[in-house]
Protein backbone atom coordinates (compact mmCIF):
# COMPACT_ATOMS: atom_id res chain seq x y z
CA MET A 1 0.00 0.00 0.00
CA ARG A 2 3.07 2.22 -0.19
CA SER A 3 3.07 5.04 -2.73
CA MET A 4 5.86 4.77 -5.27
CA SER A 5 6.47 8.53 -5.02
CA ALA A 6 7.12 8.55 -1.26
CA PRO A 7 10.05 6.91 0.53
CA ALA A 8 9.42 4.34 3.24
CA ASP A 9 8.68 5.81 6.65
CA ASP A 10 8.33 4.56 10.22
CA VAL A 11 4.74 3.47 9.61
CA ASP A 12 5.82 1.32 6.65
CA ARG A 13 8.37 -0.37 8.90
CA ILE A 14 5.78 -0.89 11.67
CA VAL A 15 3.24 -2.34 9.23
CA GLU A 16 5.88 -4.60 7.73
CA ALA A 17 6.86 -5.88 11.18
CA TRP A 18 3.24 -6.55 12.17
CA SER A 19 2.62 -8.30 8.84
CA ARG A 20 5.61 -10.53 9.51
CA GLU A 21 4.68 -11.23 13.14
CA ARG A 22 0.92 -11.56 12.63
CA PRO A 23 0.26 -12.64 9.04
CA ASP A 24 -3.23 -13.65 10.15
CA LEU A 25 -4.21 -9.99 10.68
CA ASP A 26 -5.16 -7.42 8.05
CA VAL A 27 -2.91 -4.55 9.09
CA ALA A 28 -3.87 -2.30 6.15
CA PRO A 29 -5.71 0.26 8.36
CA LEU A 30 -2.37 1.08 10.00
CA HIS A 31 -1.12 2.58 6.73
CA VAL A 32 -3.66 5.39 7.09
CA LEU A 33 -4.63 5.67 10.72
CA SER A 34 -1.14 5.33 12.20
CA ARG A 35 -0.05 8.19 9.97
CA VAL A 36 -3.06 10.26 11.04
CA SER A 37 -2.25 9.53 14.68
CA ARG A 38 1.44 10.40 14.28
CA LEU A 39 0.58 13.54 12.33
CA ALA A 40 -1.91 14.62 15.01
CA ARG A 41 0.76 14.24 17.68
CA ARG A 42 3.32 16.20 15.63
CA LEU A 43 0.76 18.93 14.95
CA ASP A 44 -0.12 19.13 18.66
CA LEU A 45 3.56 19.65 19.48
CA ASP A 46 4.00 22.19 16.69
CA ARG A 47 0.87 24.09 17.75
CA ALA A 48 2.05 24.09 21.37
CA GLN A 49 5.23 25.85 20.24
CA ALA A 50 3.23 28.38 18.20
CA PHE A 51 0.94 29.14 21.15
CA ALA A 52 3.86 29.34 23.58
CA ARG A 53 5.24 32.25 21.55
CA HIS A 54 2.08 34.08 22.68
CA SER A 55 2.26 32.79 26.27
CA LEU A 56 -0.68 30.48 25.63
CA GLU A 57 -1.33 26.81 26.18
CA GLY A 58 -3.43 24.87 23.69
CA TRP A 59 -6.50 24.80 25.93
CA GLU A 60 -6.26 28.57 26.42
CA PHE A 61 -6.20 29.08 22.67
CA ASP A 62 -9.23 26.77 22.32
CA VAL A 63 -11.32 28.82 24.75
CA LEU A 64 -10.17 32.20 23.44
CA SER A 65 -10.71 31.18 19.82
CA ALA A 66 -14.23 29.89 20.58
CA LEU A 67 -15.06 33.31 22.03
CA ARG A 68 -13.40 35.11 19.09
CA ARG A 69 -15.34 33.04 16.54
CA ALA A 70 -18.60 33.95 18.29
CA GLY A 71 -18.26 37.43 16.80
CA ASP A 72 -18.65 40.84 18.39
CA PRO A 73 -19.17 41.17 21.40
CA TYR A 74 -17.17 37.89 21.73
CA ARG A 75 -19.17 36.25 24.49
CA LEU A 76 -20.59 32.82 25.17
CA SER A 77 -22.13 30.99 28.09
CA PRO A 78 -19.98 28.43 29.87
CA GLY A 79 -22.27 25.73 28.44
CA GLN A 80 -21.60 26.92 24.90
CA LEU A 81 -17.86 26.89 25.63
CA VAL A 82 -18.16 23.32 26.94
CA GLN A 83 -19.88 22.26 23.71
CA GLN A 84 -17.27 23.90 21.50
CA THR A 85 -14.20 22.70 23.38
CA LEU A 86 -15.40 19.20 24.33
CA VAL A 87 -14.50 19.39 28.03
CA THR A 88 -16.59 18.97 31.18
CA SER A 89 -18.30 21.90 32.89
CA GLY A 90 -15.96 21.55 35.88
CA THR A 91 -12.94 21.74 33.60
CA MET A 92 -14.39 24.78 31.86
CA THR A 93 -14.99 26.56 35.17
CA ASN A 94 -11.33 26.03 36.05
CA ARG A 95 -10.20 27.24 32.63
CA VAL A 96 -12.32 30.37 32.74
CA ASP A 97 -11.02 31.11 36.25
CA ARG A 98 -7.44 30.90 35.01
CA LEU A 99 -8.09 32.99 31.90
CA GLU A 100 -9.92 35.59 33.99
CA ARG A 101 -6.94 35.88 36.36
CA ARG A 102 -4.73 36.55 33.31
CA GLY A 103 -7.09 39.29 32.12
CA LEU A 104 -7.95 37.50 28.88
CA VAL A 105 -11.64 36.98 29.65
CA GLU A 106 -14.18 38.41 32.07
CA ARG A 107 -17.40 37.12 33.51
CA SER A 108 -20.63 39.04 33.77
CA PRO A 109 -24.17 38.11 34.80
CA ASP A 110 -26.29 36.60 32.03
CA PRO A 111 -29.01 39.18 31.27
CA HIS A 112 -31.40 36.37 30.27
CA ASP A 113 -30.77 34.03 33.21
CA ARG A 114 -30.27 35.37 36.74
CA ARG A 115 -28.40 32.21 37.74
CA GLY A 116 -26.06 32.21 34.73
CA VAL A 117 -22.95 34.02 33.64
CA ILE A 118 -21.51 35.06 30.33
CA VAL A 119 -17.81 34.77 29.49
CA GLN A 120 -16.49 37.58 27.33
CA LEU A 121 -13.16 38.07 25.60
CA THR A 122 -11.29 41.14 26.86
CA GLU A 123 -9.42 43.43 24.48
CA SER A 124 -6.18 41.84 25.68
CA GLY A 125 -7.63 38.38 25.02
CA LYS A 126 -8.72 39.43 21.54
CA ARG A 127 -5.26 40.78 20.66
CA THR A 128 -3.61 37.63 22.02
CA VAL A 129 -5.83 35.14 20.18
CA ASP A 130 -5.68 37.15 16.94
CA ALA A 131 -1.87 37.20 16.99
CA ALA A 132 -1.66 33.50 17.87
CA MET A 133 -4.11 32.61 15.10
CA ALA A 134 -2.19 34.60 12.48
CA ASP A 135 1.06 32.87 13.46
CA LEU A 136 -0.59 29.44 13.55
CA LEU A 137 -2.06 29.88 10.07
CA ALA A 138 1.29 31.01 8.65
CA ARG A 139 2.98 27.92 10.09
CA GLU A 140 0.25 25.58 8.89
CA ARG A 141 0.28 27.10 5.40
CA ASP A 142 4.01 26.31 5.30
CA LEU A 143 3.34 22.72 6.36
CA LEU A 144 0.79 22.26 3.56
CA ALA A 145 2.81 24.08 0.89
CA GLU A 146 4.21 20.81 -0.48
CA LEU A 147 0.71 19.69 -1.51
CA PRO A 148 -0.96 21.27 -4.53
CA GLU A 149 -4.32 22.94 -3.81
CA ARG A 150 -6.24 20.10 -5.47
CA GLN A 151 -4.61 17.52 -3.20
CA ARG A 152 -5.21 19.68 -0.12
CA ALA A 153 -8.92 19.86 -0.98
CA GLN A 154 -9.02 16.11 -1.61
CA LEU A 155 -7.25 15.40 1.69
CA ALA A 156 -9.64 17.70 3.57
CA ASP A 157 -12.61 15.86 2.05
CA LEU A 158 -11.22 12.45 2.93
CA LEU A 159 -10.42 13.47 6.51
CA ARG A 160 -13.91 14.99 6.86
CA ARG A 161 -15.40 11.62 5.86
CA LEU A 162 -13.23 9.78 8.40
CA LEU A 163 -14.10 12.25 11.16
CA SER A 164 -17.85 12.43 10.52
CA PRO A 165 -18.87 9.27 12.46
CA PHE A 166 -17.27 10.72 15.58
CA GLU A 167 -19.12 14.02 15.25
CA SER A 168 -22.61 12.61 14.62
């Protein structure tokens, strides 16, 4: 299943070893999913470096970017943040507390629910997430530069199809 245009990589060697050791198993999925897994880990590390240049951790970027994407006035309920960042409400409370202490977000009473609060991006939070996003996109454009636009679109479509069962 190896492309003739690409040299052998670690995954090829792993698949070859499993094929030798367990010829009774169909190890073909490893060709794709082990590469996706390894790429995800490399991207996580690369993104962590990009965010660190802005004194952010990945989870901080996730929360700030969810607020930024909400549009002006850049506010969401904690429940909406939980949905967008896929963490528990307790985790989100802790994250908002930490971001609030850094001056990147602020809480205010929810005007539609006396028991609720709204989390809003501060001006400092907006500047920070905007700068981090610009740097991240520049780095990720560089990573994808080797692939022609048509292949990038094809790859995005294929990954969307693989991801869709998990998002249903």
